[in-house]
Amino acid sequence: MKVFKTIAWILLIAFVGIQFFPTERNQSEAEYASDFMEVNTVPPMVQNKIKVSCYDCHSNNTKYPWYNKVQPVAWFLEDHIEEGKNELNFNEWGDYSDRRKNSKLRSIISQIEDDEMPLDSYTFIHRDAKFSESEKKEILKYMTQLKNKL
């Protein structure tokens, strides 16, 4: 029993200790002229759904949940957001070449069709980020039209 108490105390001290190592937050109040919504004429429903479902991980401004203040959750979220931004950043859309835009649109279409995006781990907490079938069809239709214009 003494070993268990010692391990529990060590774990508790470690948990409290890691709380003093904050993450860098992905938040910006800047307006981006190169933002996907600024560069393209996006229908209101598609615009709203993309902002709700995609922008937390794929833009320069994340709306953080309360639990982002707790380590190691914050480290996991920041790593996930950084990975998402490296893959696609909607705030930098206008700076992408047409070739890169085409590639990103193909990827967006494929991942939405295959229900890979938004991630299940994200929609589990953010229920409003989940696509209904009609929203999915509308977004896919818009993204396909946009890709065909390039």
Protein backbone atom coordinates (compact mmCIF):
# COMPACT_ATOMS: atom_id res chain seq x y z
CA MET A 1 0.00 0.00 0.00
CA LYS A 2 2.93 2.33 0.71
CA VAL A 3 4.24 1.88 -2.85
CA PHE A 4 0.82 2.78 -4.24
CA LYS A 5 0.68 5.98 -2.14
CA THR A 6 4.20 6.94 -3.23
CA ILE A 7 3.33 6.44 -6.90
CA ALA A 8 0.08 8.39 -6.47
CA TRP A 9 1.96 11.31 -4.85
CA ILE A 10 4.58 11.32 -7.60
CA LEU A 11 1.87 11.33 -10.28
CA LEU A 12 -0.02 14.12 -8.53
CA ILE A 13 3.11 16.25 -8.18
CA ALA A 14 4.01 15.61 -11.83
CA PHE A 15 0.47 16.53 -12.95
CA VAL A 16 0.55 19.78 -10.96
CA GLY A 17 4.09 20.50 -12.18
CA ILE A 18 3.26 20.23 -15.88
CA GLN A 19 0.52 22.83 -15.46
CA PHE A 20 3.28 25.45 -15.31
CA PHE A 21 4.32 24.74 -18.93
CA PRO A 22 1.72 26.56 -21.03
CA THR A 23 1.32 26.25 -24.77
CA GLU A 24 1.42 29.01 -27.33
CA ARG A 25 -2.15 29.76 -28.31
CA ASN A 26 -3.27 29.96 -31.93
CA GLN A 27 -5.22 33.20 -31.70
CA SER A 28 -5.14 36.29 -33.85
CA GLU A 29 -7.52 39.20 -34.23
CA ALA A 30 -6.05 40.09 -37.62
CA GLU A 31 -8.18 40.24 -40.73
CA TYR A 32 -6.61 38.32 -43.60
CA ALA A 33 -7.08 39.58 -47.15
CA SER A 34 -5.92 36.14 -48.30
CA ASP A 35 -8.63 34.33 -46.27
CA PHE A 36 -10.68 31.71 -48.12
CA MET A 37 -13.89 33.65 -47.43
CA GLU A 38 -12.40 36.92 -48.72
CA VAL A 39 -10.85 35.48 -51.88
CA ASN A 40 -13.91 33.44 -52.93
CA THR A 41 -17.62 34.13 -53.14
CA VAL A 42 -18.84 31.56 -50.65
CA PRO A 43 -22.56 30.91 -50.09
CA PRO A 44 -23.62 31.81 -46.52
CA MET A 45 -24.46 28.24 -45.44
CA VAL A 46 -21.15 26.90 -46.75
CA GLN A 47 -19.28 29.81 -45.21
CA ASN A 48 -20.86 29.28 -41.80
CA LYS A 49 -20.33 25.52 -41.81
CA ILE A 50 -16.68 25.77 -42.89
CA LYS A 51 -15.99 28.31 -40.12
CA VAL A 52 -17.69 26.13 -37.51
CA SER A 53 -16.25 22.81 -38.68
CA CYS A 54 -12.81 23.68 -40.05
CA TYR A 55 -11.41 26.99 -38.85
CA ASP A 56 -10.43 25.92 -35.32
CA CYS A 57 -7.70 23.66 -36.73
CA HIS A 58 -7.20 25.19 -40.18
CA SER A 59 -6.83 28.93 -39.50
CA ASN A 60 -4.82 31.35 -37.39
CA ASN A 61 -7.58 31.82 -34.82
CA THR A 62 -8.75 28.90 -32.70
CA LYS A 63 -11.68 29.14 -30.30
CA TYR A 64 -10.37 27.17 -27.37
CA PRO A 65 -12.50 25.06 -25.03
CA TRP A 66 -12.15 25.44 -21.27
CA TYR A 67 -10.13 22.24 -20.98
CA ASN A 68 -7.31 23.69 -23.08
CA LYS A 69 -5.88 25.10 -19.86
CA VAL A 70 -5.16 21.60 -18.53
CA GLN A 71 -1.93 19.82 -19.44
CA PRO A 72 -1.31 17.43 -21.15
CA VAL A 73 -4.55 18.11 -23.07
CA ALA A 74 -3.30 21.53 -24.16
CA TRP A 75 -0.14 19.99 -25.64
CA PHE A 76 -2.23 17.50 -27.59
CA LEU A 77 -4.55 20.22 -28.92
CA GLU A 78 -1.71 22.54 -29.92
CA ASP A 79 0.07 19.73 -31.74
CA HIS A 80 -3.16 18.85 -33.52
CA ILE A 81 -3.84 22.48 -34.49
CA GLU A 82 -0.29 23.00 -35.75
CA GLU A 83 -0.55 19.86 -37.86
CA GLY A 84 -3.89 21.03 -39.27
CA LYS A 85 -2.54 24.47 -40.13
CA ASN A 86 0.51 22.98 -41.83
CA GLU A 87 -1.78 20.87 -43.99
CA LEU A 88 -4.26 23.66 -44.83
CA ASN A 89 -4.63 27.21 -43.53
CA PHE A 90 -7.80 28.92 -44.74
CA ASN A 91 -6.37 32.31 -43.70
CA GLU A 92 -3.56 31.89 -46.25
CA TRP A 93 -5.72 30.53 -49.10
CA GLY A 94 -5.14 33.54 -51.39
CA ASP A 95 -1.38 33.08 -51.10
CA TYR A 96 -1.52 29.52 -52.44
CA SER A 97 -0.69 28.86 -56.09
CA ASP A 98 -3.50 27.58 -58.32
CA ARG A 99 -1.79 24.20 -58.38
CA ARG A 100 -1.73 24.04 -54.58
CA LYS A 101 -5.35 25.25 -54.36
CA ASN A 102 -6.38 22.51 -56.77
CA SER A 103 -4.55 19.92 -54.69
CA LYS A 104 -6.10 21.21 -51.45
CA LEU A 105 -9.60 21.23 -52.98
CA ARG A 106 -9.17 17.64 -54.19
CA SER A 107 -8.08 16.68 -50.70
CA ILE A 108 -10.97 18.58 -49.04
CA ILE A 109 -13.49 16.91 -51.36
CA SER A 110 -12.03 13.45 -50.81
CA GLN A 111 -11.86 13.78 -47.03
CA ILE A 112 -15.41 15.10 -46.73
CA GLU A 113 -16.74 12.36 -49.03
CA ASP A 114 -14.95 9.72 -46.94
CA ASP A 115 -16.16 11.27 -43.65
CA GLU A 116 -12.54 11.84 -42.58
CA MET A 117 -13.15 15.54 -41.93
CA PRO A 118 -14.09 16.98 -39.62
CA LEU A 119 -12.39 14.50 -37.34
CA ASP A 120 -14.53 12.32 -35.10
CA SER A 121 -12.44 13.41 -32.11
CA TYR A 122 -13.44 17.01 -32.89
CA THR A 123 -17.14 16.41 -33.59
CA PHE A 124 -17.44 14.30 -30.42
CA ILE A 125 -17.06 17.49 -28.40
CA HIS A 126 -18.23 20.02 -31.03
CA ARG A 127 -21.51 18.47 -32.17
CA ASP A 128 -22.37 21.53 -34.29
CA ALA A 129 -19.30 20.86 -36.45
CA LYS A 130 -20.73 17.62 -37.80
CA PHE A 131 -22.04 17.77 -41.38
CA SER A 132 -25.61 16.78 -42.10
CA GLU A 133 -26.11 15.01 -45.43
CA SER A 134 -27.55 18.17 -47.01
CA GLU A 135 -24.67 20.31 -45.70
CA LYS A 136 -22.16 17.77 -46.93
CA LYS A 137 -23.71 17.78 -50.43
CA GLU A 138 -23.79 21.57 -50.54
CA ILE A 139 -20.17 21.92 -49.43
CA LEU A 140 -19.00 19.22 -51.85
CA LYS A 141 -20.90 20.91 -54.69
CA TYR A 142 -19.31 24.27 -53.89
CA MET A 143 -15.78 22.86 -53.52
CA THR A 144 -16.12 20.94 -56.79
CA GLN A 145 -17.30 24.08 -58.63
CA LEU A 146 -14.42 26.05 -57.15
CA LYS A 147 -11.92 23.36 -58.19
CA ASN A 148 -13.33 23.28 -61.73
CA LYS A 149 -12.86 27.06 -62.06
CA LEU A 150 -9.11 26.82 -61.44
